[in-house]
Amino acid sequence: MRLENRVALITGGGRGIGRAMALAYAKEGASLALAARNREELEETSRLVEALGASVCVIPTDVTDHEQVKAMVRDVLDRFSRIDVLINNAGIAGPVGSIQDNDVASWIETVQVNLIGTFLCCREVLPTMLEQDWGKIINLSGGGGMAAWGELSAYCSSKAAVVRLTEGLAIELAGSNVQVNVLGPGSINTRLWENLRDSAKESGSADIYKVGERVTSGGGASIEKAAELAVFLASDESGELSGRLIHSLLDDFWGLPPRIPEIMASDAYLLRRQELG
């Protein structure tokens, strides 16, 4: 099993992509710490993980609250004594529509959850990972981090910033045995896309509504493929790959290991998505 004896902390672990990743990790032998704001959803994921034989704890947490994030990390360490993998999956879609019509508080909240929450979680787990001389951080970005969408400015801005944060953090961590990468899952049929579809319908944002209808009607990306990529990025097979944006649909990630030295010496898979031929 690729993640045997590893401890993974997954934010947004109560449903959707976070739940799928938790189940994939459990099958690969990891112990899980699951965080989100909704305890009931966390408990449901926990029951599914336990049924696969994995050890798990749930920690209701608002990732925008620094004190709660610090307490979350302490709780994980009290339970498992280490944190090997952090998945920053907690995220929201934010307001849909033109900037001048966006609710200011909702716009700011989107940045707080998607970007500030990622920053706070990275900040608090890094001392442990550096001390134990092993760690993998996986930040979720996706379409908003690869291209601009009209009438989705808060989401796209925050997710592009997550990619740049990842690249900068990877530079800081160079020479350590801690790697940080971005996982692009594609447009998966989760509650986020249901919210986007409904908000787009209300605001009259036709392009986003069209995509939302397709995604939520069975035309979205594979959640299993995103979970598989999360396993790869957390495993020893991802080696020294760091500071890169790897997409579950666009990239043959299991074929990357022989190319990692070349990737790390180039501008491939950065925010600009320059890919090796």
C-alpha atoms as a PDB file:
ATOM      1  CA  MET A   1       0.000   0.000   0.000  1.00  0.00           C
ATOM      2  CA  ARG A   2       1.368   3.376  -1.049  1.00  0.00           C
ATOM      3  CA  LEU A   3       0.450   5.322   2.121  1.00  0.00           C
ATOM      4  CA  GLU A   4       0.966   2.730   4.819  1.00  0.00           C
ATOM      5  CA  ASN A   5       1.939   4.277   8.183  1.00  0.00           C
ATOM      6  CA  ARG A   6       1.277   7.788   6.869  1.00  0.00           C
ATOM      7  CA  VAL A   7      -1.016  10.289   8.619  1.00  0.00           C
ATOM      8  CA  ALA A   8      -3.044  12.602   6.397  1.00  0.00           C
ATOM      9  CA  LEU A   9      -4.974  15.716   7.420  1.00  0.00           C
ATOM     10  CA  ILE A  10      -7.727  16.568   4.943  1.00  0.00           C
ATOM     11  CA  THR A  11      -9.681  19.819   5.185  1.00  0.00           C
ATOM     12  CA  GLY A  12     -13.101  19.864   3.604  1.00  0.00           C
ATOM     13  CA  GLY A  13     -13.161  16.159   4.415  1.00  0.00           C
ATOM     14  CA  GLY A  14     -16.873  15.855   5.092  1.00  0.00           C
ATOM     15  CA  ARG A  15     -18.132  15.421   1.551  1.00  0.00           C
ATOM     16  CA  GLY A  16     -17.334  15.571  -2.153  1.00  0.00           C
ATOM     17  CA  ILE A  17     -13.711  15.514  -3.222  1.00  0.00           C
ATOM     18  CA  GLY A  18     -12.449  15.487   0.368  1.00  0.00           C
ATOM     19  CA  ARG A  19     -14.469  12.372   1.151  1.00  0.00           C
ATOM     20  CA  ALA A  20     -13.293  10.646  -2.026  1.00  0.00           C
ATOM     21  CA  MET A  21      -9.676  11.391  -1.132  1.00  0.00           C
ATOM     22  CA  ALA A  22     -10.171  10.135   2.418  1.00  0.00           C
ATOM     23  CA  LEU A  23     -11.547   6.828   1.126  1.00  0.00           C
ATOM     24  CA  ALA A  24      -8.715   6.470  -1.395  1.00  0.00           C
ATOM     25  CA  TYR A  25      -6.151   7.151   1.333  1.00  0.00           C
ATOM     26  CA  ALA A  26      -7.771   4.647   3.675  1.00  0.00           C
ATOM     27  CA  LYS A  27      -7.502   1.971   0.986  1.00  0.00           C
ATOM     28  CA  GLU A  28      -3.802   2.806   0.648  1.00  0.00           C
ATOM     29  CA  GLY A  29      -3.156   2.326   4.376  1.00  0.00           C
ATOM     30  CA  ALA A  30      -3.174   5.908   5.700  1.00  0.00           C
ATOM     31  CA  SER A  31      -4.567   7.123   9.000  1.00  0.00           C
ATOM     32  CA  LEU A  32      -6.897  10.091   8.582  1.00  0.00           C
ATOM     33  CA  ALA A  33      -7.686  13.340  10.351  1.00  0.00           C
ATOM     34  CA  LEU A  34     -10.735  14.977   8.802  1.00  0.00           C
ATOM     35  CA  ALA A  35     -11.599  18.643   9.235  1.00  0.00           C
ATOM     36  CA  ALA A  36     -14.557  20.735   8.112  1.00  0.00           C
ATOM     37  CA  ARG A  37     -17.210  22.961   9.629  1.00  0.00           C
ATOM     38  CA  ASN A  38     -20.008  20.371   9.501  1.00  0.00           C
ATOM     39  CA  ARG A  39     -19.601  17.674  12.176  1.00  0.00           C
ATOM     40  CA  GLU A  40     -22.378  15.451  10.820  1.00  0.00           C
ATOM     41  CA  GLU A  41     -20.740  15.213   7.408  1.00  0.00           C
ATOM     42  CA  LEU A  42     -17.368  14.516   9.019  1.00  0.00           C
ATOM     43  CA  GLU A  43     -18.882  11.717  11.089  1.00  0.00           C
ATOM     44  CA  GLU A  44     -20.385  10.144   7.965  1.00  0.00           C
ATOM     45  CA  THR A  45     -17.015  10.196   6.183  1.00  0.00           C
ATOM     46  CA  SER A  46     -15.421   8.805   9.341  1.00  0.00           C
ATOM     47  CA  ARG A  47     -17.787   5.819   9.365  1.00  0.00           C
ATOM     48  CA  LEU A  48     -16.961   5.060   5.740  1.00  0.00           C
ATOM     49  CA  VAL A  49     -13.224   5.298   6.424  1.00  0.00           C
ATOM     50  CA  GLU A  50     -13.440   3.102   9.510  1.00  0.00           C
ATOM     51  CA  ALA A  51     -15.302   0.476   7.484  1.00  0.00           C
ATOM     52  CA  LEU A  52     -12.141   0.214   5.372  1.00  0.00           C
ATOM     53  CA  GLY A  53     -10.086  -0.477   8.491  1.00  0.00           C
ATOM     54  CA  ALA A  54      -8.377   2.917   8.793  1.00  0.00           C
ATOM     55  CA  SER A  55      -7.821   4.905  11.970  1.00  0.00           C
ATOM     56  CA  VAL A  56      -9.577   8.259  11.824  1.00  0.00           C
ATOM     57  CA  CYS A  57     -10.409  11.302  13.921  1.00  0.00           C
ATOM     58  CA  VAL A  58     -12.746  14.194  13.106  1.00  0.00           C
ATOM     59  CA  ILE A  59     -12.017  17.802  14.039  1.00  0.00           C
ATOM     60  CA  PRO A  60     -14.707  20.386  13.270  1.00  0.00           C
ATOM     61  CA  THR A  61     -12.718  23.423  12.136  1.00  0.00           C
ATOM     62  CA  ASP A  62     -13.173  26.743  10.382  1.00  0.00           C
ATOM     63  CA  VAL A  63      -9.950  27.067   8.387  1.00  0.00           C
ATOM     64  CA  THR A  64     -10.253  30.864   8.285  1.00  0.00           C
ATOM     65  CA  ASP A  65      -9.855  31.020  12.074  1.00  0.00           C
ATOM     66  CA  HIS A  66      -6.161  30.906  13.042  1.00  0.00           C
ATOM     67  CA  GLU A  67      -6.822  29.714  16.585  1.00  0.00           C
ATOM     68  CA  GLN A  68      -9.040  26.889  15.344  1.00  0.00           C
ATOM     69  CA  VAL A  69      -6.406  25.847  12.812  1.00  0.00           C
ATOM     70  CA  LYS A  70      -3.721  25.767  15.511  1.00  0.00           C
ATOM     71  CA  ALA A  71      -6.012  23.689  17.735  1.00  0.00           C
ATOM     72  CA  MET A  72      -6.753  21.333  14.829  1.00  0.00           C
ATOM     73  CA  VAL A  73      -3.058  20.646  14.263  1.00  0.00           C
ATOM     74  CA  ARG A  74      -2.488  20.085  17.986  1.00  0.00           C
ATOM     75  CA  ASP A  75      -5.386  17.609  18.055  1.00  0.00           C
ATOM     76  CA  VAL A  76      -3.949  15.636  15.130  1.00  0.00           C
ATOM     77  CA  LEU A  77      -0.539  15.489  16.767  1.00  0.00           C
ATOM     78  CA  ASP A  78      -2.074  14.423  20.080  1.00  0.00           C
ATOM     79  CA  ARG A  79      -3.834  11.579  18.312  1.00  0.00           C
ATOM     80  CA  PHE A  80      -1.209  10.409  15.804  1.00  0.00           C
ATOM     81  CA  SER A  81       2.067  12.135  16.856  1.00  0.00           C
ATOM     82  CA  ARG A  82       2.846  13.187  13.272  1.00  0.00           C
ATOM     83  CA  ILE A  83       1.351  14.708  10.124  1.00  0.00           C
ATOM     84  CA  ASP A  84       2.754  13.369   6.858  1.00  0.00           C
ATOM     85  CA  VAL A  85       0.247  14.748   4.366  1.00  0.00           C
ATOM     86  CA  LEU A  86      -1.881  17.889   4.336  1.00  0.00           C
ATOM     87  CA  ILE A  87      -4.633  18.275   1.747  1.00  0.00           C
ATOM     88  CA  ASN A  88      -6.037  21.809   1.612  1.00  0.00           C
ATOM     89  CA  ASN A  89      -9.361  20.907   0.064  1.00  0.00           C
ATOM     90  CA  ALA A  90     -11.733  23.241   1.942  1.00  0.00           C
ATOM     91  CA  GLY A  91     -13.126  25.755  -0.517  1.00  0.00           C
ATOM     92  CA  ILE A  92     -16.182  27.674  -1.629  1.00  0.00           C
ATOM     93  CA  ALA A  93     -17.383  28.967  -4.987  1.00  0.00           C
ATOM     94  CA  GLY A  94     -18.136  32.508  -3.912  1.00  0.00           C
ATOM     95  CA  PRO A  95     -20.384  35.030  -5.635  1.00  0.00           C
ATOM     96  CA  VAL A  96     -21.307  34.774  -9.312  1.00  0.00           C
ATOM     97  CA  GLY A  97     -21.828  37.835 -11.466  1.00  0.00           C
ATOM     98  CA  SER A  98     -20.055  41.045 -12.391  1.00  0.00           C
ATOM     99  CA  ILE A  99     -17.658  42.559  -9.861  1.00  0.00           C
ATOM    100  CA  GLN A 100     -19.766  45.657  -9.366  1.00  0.00           C
ATOM    101  CA  ASP A 101     -22.745  43.465  -8.461  1.00  0.00           C
ATOM    102  CA  ASN A 102     -20.902  41.011  -6.200  1.00  0.00           C
ATOM    103  CA  ASP A 103     -21.644  41.135  -2.500  1.00  0.00           C
ATOM    104  CA  VAL A 104     -18.462  42.513  -0.909  1.00  0.00           C
ATOM    105  CA  ALA A 105     -18.610  40.277   2.178  1.00  0.00           C
ATOM    106  CA  SER A 106     -19.111  37.150   0.040  1.00  0.00           C
ATOM    107  CA  TRP A 107     -16.188  38.098  -2.216  1.00  0.00           C
ATOM    108  CA  ILE A 108     -13.874  38.569   0.755  1.00  0.00           C
ATOM    109  CA  GLU A 109     -15.103  35.339   2.401  1.00  0.00           C
ATOM    110  CA  THR A 110     -14.140  33.415  -0.744  1.00  0.00           C
ATOM    111  CA  VAL A 111     -10.562  34.638  -0.497  1.00  0.00           C
ATOM    112  CA  GLN A 112     -10.510  33.913   3.228  1.00  0.00           C
ATOM    113  CA  VAL A 113     -11.606  30.293   2.788  1.00  0.00           C
ATOM    114  CA  ASN A 114      -9.774  29.398  -0.422  1.00  0.00           C
ATOM    115  CA  LEU A 115      -6.517  31.308   0.079  1.00  0.00           C
ATOM    116  CA  ILE A 116      -6.156  32.356   3.717  1.00  0.00           C
ATOM    117  CA  GLY A 117      -7.370  28.964   4.928  1.00  0.00           C
ATOM    118  CA  THR A 118      -4.746  27.264   2.769  1.00  0.00           C
ATOM    119  CA  PHE A 119      -2.044  29.608   4.078  1.00  0.00           C
ATOM    120  CA  LEU A 120      -2.978  29.048   7.727  1.00  0.00           C
ATOM    121  CA  CYS A 121      -3.021  25.258   7.409  1.00  0.00           C
ATOM    122  CA  CYS A 122       0.319  25.200   5.593  1.00  0.00           C
ATOM    123  CA  ARG A 123       1.838  27.501   8.194  1.00  0.00           C
ATOM    124  CA  GLU A 124       0.783  25.330  11.124  1.00  0.00           C
ATOM    125  CA  VAL A 125       1.795  21.909   9.765  1.00  0.00           C
ATOM    126  CA  LEU A 126       5.182  22.922   8.367  1.00  0.00           C
ATOM    127  CA  PRO A 127       7.143  22.894  11.659  1.00  0.00           C
ATOM    128  CA  THR A 128       6.086  19.272  12.233  1.00  0.00           C
ATOM    129  CA  MET A 129       6.870  18.177   8.688  1.00  0.00           C
ATOM    130  CA  LEU A 130      10.287  19.842   8.749  1.00  0.00           C
ATOM    131  CA  GLU A 131      11.117  18.325  12.134  1.00  0.00           C
ATOM    132  CA  GLN A 132      10.184  14.823  11.008  1.00  0.00           C
ATOM    133  CA  ASP A 133      11.987  15.426   7.684  1.00  0.00           C
ATOM    134  CA  TRP A 134       9.094  14.249   5.522  1.00  0.00           C
ATOM    135  CA  GLY A 135       5.939  15.856   4.269  1.00  0.00           C
ATOM    136  CA  LYS A 136       3.617  16.328   1.331  1.00  0.00           C
ATOM    137  CA  ILE A 137       1.266  19.304   1.011  1.00  0.00           C
ATOM    138  CA  ILE A 138      -1.454  19.192  -1.640  1.00  0.00           C
ATOM    139  CA  ASN A 139      -3.388  22.375  -2.397  1.00  0.00           C
ATOM    140  CA  LEU A 140      -6.564  22.259  -4.475  1.00  0.00           C
ATOM    141  CA  SER A 141      -6.970  24.745  -7.287  1.00  0.00           C
ATOM    142  CA  GLY A 142      -8.524  23.714 -10.599  1.00  0.00           C
ATOM    143  CA  GLY A 143      -9.986  25.678 -13.476  1.00  0.00           C
ATOM    144  CA  GLY A 144      -9.965  28.966 -11.608  1.00  0.00           C
ATOM    145  CA  GLY A 145      -6.224  28.661 -11.170  1.00  0.00           C
ATOM    146  CA  MET A 146      -5.523  27.896 -14.822  1.00  0.00           C
ATOM    147  CA  ALA A 147      -7.691  30.431 -16.641  1.00  0.00           C
ATOM    148  CA  ALA A 148      -9.890  33.430 -15.942  1.00  0.00           C
ATOM    149  CA  TRP A 149     -13.659  33.023 -15.966  1.00  0.00           C
ATOM    150  CA  GLY A 150     -15.928  35.990 -16.440  1.00  0.00           C
ATOM    151  CA  GLU A 151     -18.341  36.644 -13.558  1.00  0.00           C
ATOM    152  CA  LEU A 152     -16.423  34.348 -11.216  1.00  0.00           C
ATOM    153  CA  SER A 153     -13.730  36.767 -10.057  1.00  0.00           C
ATOM    154  CA  ALA A 154     -13.524  35.821  -6.373  1.00  0.00           C
ATOM    155  CA  TYR A 155     -13.130  32.107  -7.041  1.00  0.00           C
ATOM    156  CA  CYS A 156     -10.647  32.532  -9.894  1.00  0.00           C
ATOM    157  CA  SER A 157      -8.565  35.123  -8.043  1.00  0.00           C
ATOM    158  CA  SER A 158      -8.337  33.015  -4.892  1.00  0.00           C
ATOM    159  CA  LYS A 159      -7.501  29.801  -6.741  1.00  0.00           C
ATOM    160  CA  ALA A 160      -4.841  31.438  -8.912  1.00  0.00           C
ATOM    161  CA  ALA A 161      -3.357  32.849  -5.724  1.00  0.00           C
ATOM    162  CA  VAL A 162      -3.251  29.341  -4.244  1.00  0.00           C
ATOM    163  CA  VAL A 163      -1.102  28.234  -7.198  1.00  0.00           C
ATOM    164  CA  ARG A 164       1.300  31.142  -6.730  1.00  0.00           C
ATOM    165  CA  LEU A 165       1.410  30.530  -2.968  1.00  0.00           C
ATOM    166  CA  THR A 166       2.341  26.925  -3.693  1.00  0.00           C
ATOM    167  CA  GLU A 167       5.116  27.920  -6.072  1.00  0.00           C
ATOM    168  CA  GLY A 168       6.560  30.366  -3.578  1.00  0.00           C
ATOM    169  CA  LEU A 169       6.363  27.903  -0.717  1.00  0.00           C
ATOM    170  CA  ALA A 170       8.109  25.249  -2.802  1.00  0.00           C
ATOM    171  CA  ILE A 171      11.029  27.645  -3.320  1.00  0.00           C
ATOM    172  CA  GLU A 172      11.226  28.222   0.432  1.00  0.00           C
ATOM    173  CA  LEU A 173      11.202  24.465   1.064  1.00  0.00           C
ATOM    174  CA  ALA A 174      13.866  23.624  -1.523  1.00  0.00           C
ATOM    175  CA  GLY A 175      16.515  21.447   0.073  1.00  0.00           C
ATOM    176  CA  SER A 176      14.096  20.002   2.617  1.00  0.00           C
ATOM    177  CA  ASN A 177      12.199  16.742   2.324  1.00  0.00           C
ATOM    178  CA  VAL A 178       8.838  18.509   2.207  1.00  0.00           C
ATOM    179  CA  GLN A 179       7.117  18.996  -1.137  1.00  0.00           C
ATOM    180  CA  VAL A 180       4.076  21.102  -1.967  1.00  0.00           C
ATOM    181  CA  ASN A 181       2.021  20.849  -5.154  1.00  0.00           C
ATOM    182  CA  VAL A 182      -1.308  21.926  -6.592  1.00  0.00           C
ATOM    183  CA  LEU A 183      -3.941  19.392  -7.590  1.00  0.00           C
ATOM    184  CA  GLY A 184      -6.322  20.404 -10.356  1.00  0.00           C
ATOM    185  CA  PRO A 185      -9.359  18.097 -10.090  1.00  0.00           C
ATOM    186  CA  GLY A 186     -11.399  19.373 -13.021  1.00  0.00           C
ATOM    187  CA  SER A 187     -15.078  20.319 -12.790  1.00  0.00           C
ATOM    188  CA  ILE A 188     -16.545  17.579 -10.582  1.00  0.00           C
ATOM    189  CA  ASN A 189     -20.212  17.237  -9.686  1.00  0.00           C
ATOM    190  CA  THR A 190     -20.091  18.358  -6.053  1.00  0.00           C
ATOM    191  CA  ARG A 191     -22.074  20.813  -3.952  1.00  0.00           C
ATOM    192  CA  LEU A 192     -19.711  23.573  -5.078  1.00  0.00           C
ATOM    193  CA  TRP A 193     -20.872  23.175  -8.657  1.00  0.00           C
ATOM    194  CA  GLU A 194     -24.498  22.875  -7.566  1.00  0.00           C
ATOM    195  CA  ASN A 195     -24.102  26.219  -5.803  1.00  0.00           C
ATOM    196  CA  LEU A 196     -22.388  27.716  -8.848  1.00  0.00           C
ATOM    197  CA  ARG A 197     -25.190  26.512 -11.134  1.00  0.00           C
ATOM    198  CA  ASP A 198     -27.909  27.919  -8.883  1.00  0.00           C
ATOM    199  CA  SER A 199     -26.114  31.231  -8.351  1.00  0.00           C
ATOM    200  CA  ALA A 200     -25.483  31.582 -12.091  1.00  0.00           C
ATOM    201  CA  LYS A 201     -29.154  31.000 -12.837  1.00  0.00           C
ATOM    202  CA  GLU A 202     -30.146  33.662 -10.320  1.00  0.00           C
ATOM    203  CA  SER A 203     -27.591  36.198 -11.555  1.00  0.00           C
ATOM    204  CA  GLY A 204     -28.150  35.509 -15.251  1.00  0.00           C
ATOM    205  CA  SER A 205     -24.573  34.347 -15.839  1.00  0.00           C
ATOM    206  CA  ALA A 206     -25.332  32.188 -18.856  1.00  0.00           C
ATOM    207  CA  ASP A 207     -21.874  30.721 -19.498  1.00  0.00           C
ATOM    208  CA  ILE A 208     -21.372  29.524 -15.932  1.00  0.00           C
ATOM    209  CA  TYR A 209     -24.929  28.204 -15.773  1.00  0.00           C
ATOM    210  CA  LYS A 210     -24.355  26.211 -18.961  1.00  0.00           C
ATOM    211  CA  VAL A 211     -21.227  24.590 -17.535  1.00  0.00           C
ATOM    212  CA  GLY A 212     -22.941  24.004 -14.197  1.00  0.00           C
ATOM    213  CA  GLU A 213     -25.856  22.256 -15.879  1.00  0.00           C
ATOM    214  CA  ARG A 214     -23.480  19.988 -17.774  1.00  0.00           C
ATOM    215  CA  VAL A 215     -21.370  19.157 -14.729  1.00  0.00           C
ATOM    216  CA  THR A 216     -24.296  18.472 -12.406  1.00  0.00           C
ATOM    217  CA  SER A 217     -26.097  16.411 -15.050  1.00  0.00           C
ATOM    218  CA  GLY A 218     -23.355  13.804 -15.234  1.00  0.00           C
ATOM    219  CA  GLY A 219     -20.919  15.531 -17.570  1.00  0.00           C
ATOM    220  CA  GLY A 220     -18.316  16.454 -14.981  1.00  0.00           C
ATOM    221  CA  ALA A 221     -14.822  15.181 -14.343  1.00  0.00           C
ATOM    222  CA  SER A 222     -14.046  11.965 -12.491  1.00  0.00           C
ATOM    223  CA  ILE A 223     -13.883  12.293  -8.717  1.00  0.00           C
ATOM    224  CA  GLU A 224     -12.064   8.960  -8.589  1.00  0.00           C
ATOM    225  CA  LYS A 225      -9.330  10.324 -10.870  1.00  0.00           C
ATOM    226  CA  ALA A 226      -8.843  13.327  -8.600  1.00  0.00           C
ATOM    227  CA  ALA A 227      -8.527  11.012  -5.590  1.00  0.00           C
ATOM    228  CA  GLU A 228      -6.031   8.879  -7.489  1.00  0.00           C
ATOM    229  CA  LEU A 229      -3.912  11.964  -8.213  1.00  0.00           C
ATOM    230  CA  ALA A 230      -4.053  12.841  -4.503  1.00  0.00           C
ATOM    231  CA  VAL A 231      -2.612   9.407  -3.740  1.00  0.00           C
ATOM    232  CA  PHE A 232       0.199   9.938  -6.246  1.00  0.00           C
ATOM    233  CA  LEU A 233       1.132  13.360  -4.867  1.00  0.00           C
ATOM    234  CA  ALA A 234       1.209  11.997  -1.301  1.00  0.00           C
ATOM    235  CA  SER A 235       3.229   8.917  -2.142  1.00  0.00           C
ATOM    236  CA  ASP A 236       6.966   8.360  -2.460  1.00  0.00           C
ATOM    237  CA  GLU A 237       6.397   8.006  -6.211  1.00  0.00           C
ATOM    238  CA  SER A 238       6.003  11.784  -6.569  1.00  0.00           C
ATOM    239  CA  GLY A 239       9.571  12.091  -5.280  1.00  0.00           C
ATOM    240  CA  GLU A 240      10.975  15.621  -5.312  1.00  0.00           C
ATOM    241  CA  LEU A 241       8.207  17.033  -7.503  1.00  0.00           C
ATOM    242  CA  SER A 242       7.307  20.368  -5.893  1.00  0.00           C
ATOM    243  CA  GLY A 243       5.779  23.712  -6.774  1.00  0.00           C
ATOM    244  CA  ARG A 244       3.850  22.300  -9.721  1.00  0.00           C
ATOM    245  CA  LEU A 245       0.222  22.258 -10.869  1.00  0.00           C
ATOM    246  CA  ILE A 246      -0.771  18.712 -11.787  1.00  0.00           C
ATOM    247  CA  HIS A 247      -4.207  18.132 -13.298  1.00  0.00           C
ATOM    248  CA  SER A 248      -6.114  14.879 -12.908  1.00  0.00           C
ATOM    249  CA  LEU A 249      -7.489  15.021 -16.461  1.00  0.00           C
ATOM    250  CA  LEU A 250      -4.753  16.741 -18.438  1.00  0.00           C
ATOM    251  CA  ASP A 251      -1.690  14.990 -17.030  1.00  0.00           C
ATOM    252  CA  ASP A 252      -0.468  11.405 -17.106  1.00  0.00           C
ATOM    253  CA  PHE A 253       0.669  11.711 -13.513  1.00  0.00           C
ATOM    254  CA  TRP A 254       1.710   8.086 -12.980  1.00  0.00           C
ATOM    255  CA  GLY A 255       4.059   8.561 -15.927  1.00  0.00           C
ATOM    256  CA  LEU A 256       5.728  11.615 -14.360  1.00  0.00           C
ATOM    257  CA  PRO A 257       8.324  10.014 -12.020  1.00  0.00           C
ATOM    258  CA  PRO A 258      11.048   9.451 -14.662  1.00  0.00           C
ATOM    259  CA  ARG A 259      10.567  13.042 -15.827  1.00  0.00           C
ATOM    260  CA  ILE A 260      10.646  14.741 -12.424  1.00  0.00           C
ATOM    261  CA  PRO A 261      14.307  15.901 -12.646  1.00  0.00           C
ATOM    262  CA  GLU A 262      13.574  17.435 -16.046  1.00  0.00           C
ATOM    263  CA  ILE A 263      10.356  19.032 -14.766  1.00  0.00           C
ATOM    264  CA  MET A 264      12.086  20.535 -11.755  1.00  0.00           C
ATOM    265  CA  ALA A 265      14.793  22.027 -13.964  1.00  0.00           C
ATOM    266  CA  SER A 266      12.232  23.682 -16.248  1.00  0.00           C
ATOM    267  CA  ASP A 267       9.215  25.994 -16.185  1.00  0.00           C
ATOM    268  CA  ALA A 268       6.847  23.089 -16.789  1.00  0.00           C
ATOM    269  CA  TYR A 269       3.586  22.775 -14.863  1.00  0.00           C
ATOM    270  CA  LEU A 270       3.764  26.212 -13.288  1.00  0.00           C
ATOM    271  CA  LEU A 271       0.906  28.713 -13.091  1.00  0.00           C
ATOM    272  CA  ARG A 272       1.357  29.366 -16.804  1.00  0.00           C
ATOM    273  CA  ARG A 273       0.860  25.615 -17.450  1.00  0.00           C
ATOM    274  CA  GLN A 274       3.855  25.212 -19.750  1.00  0.00           C
ATOM    275  CA  GLU A 275       4.025  21.464 -20.316  1.00  0.00           C
ATOM    276  CA  LEU A 276       6.885  19.309 -21.439  1.00  0.00           C
ATOM    277  CA  GLY A 277       6.508  17.853 -24.890  1.00  0.00           C
END
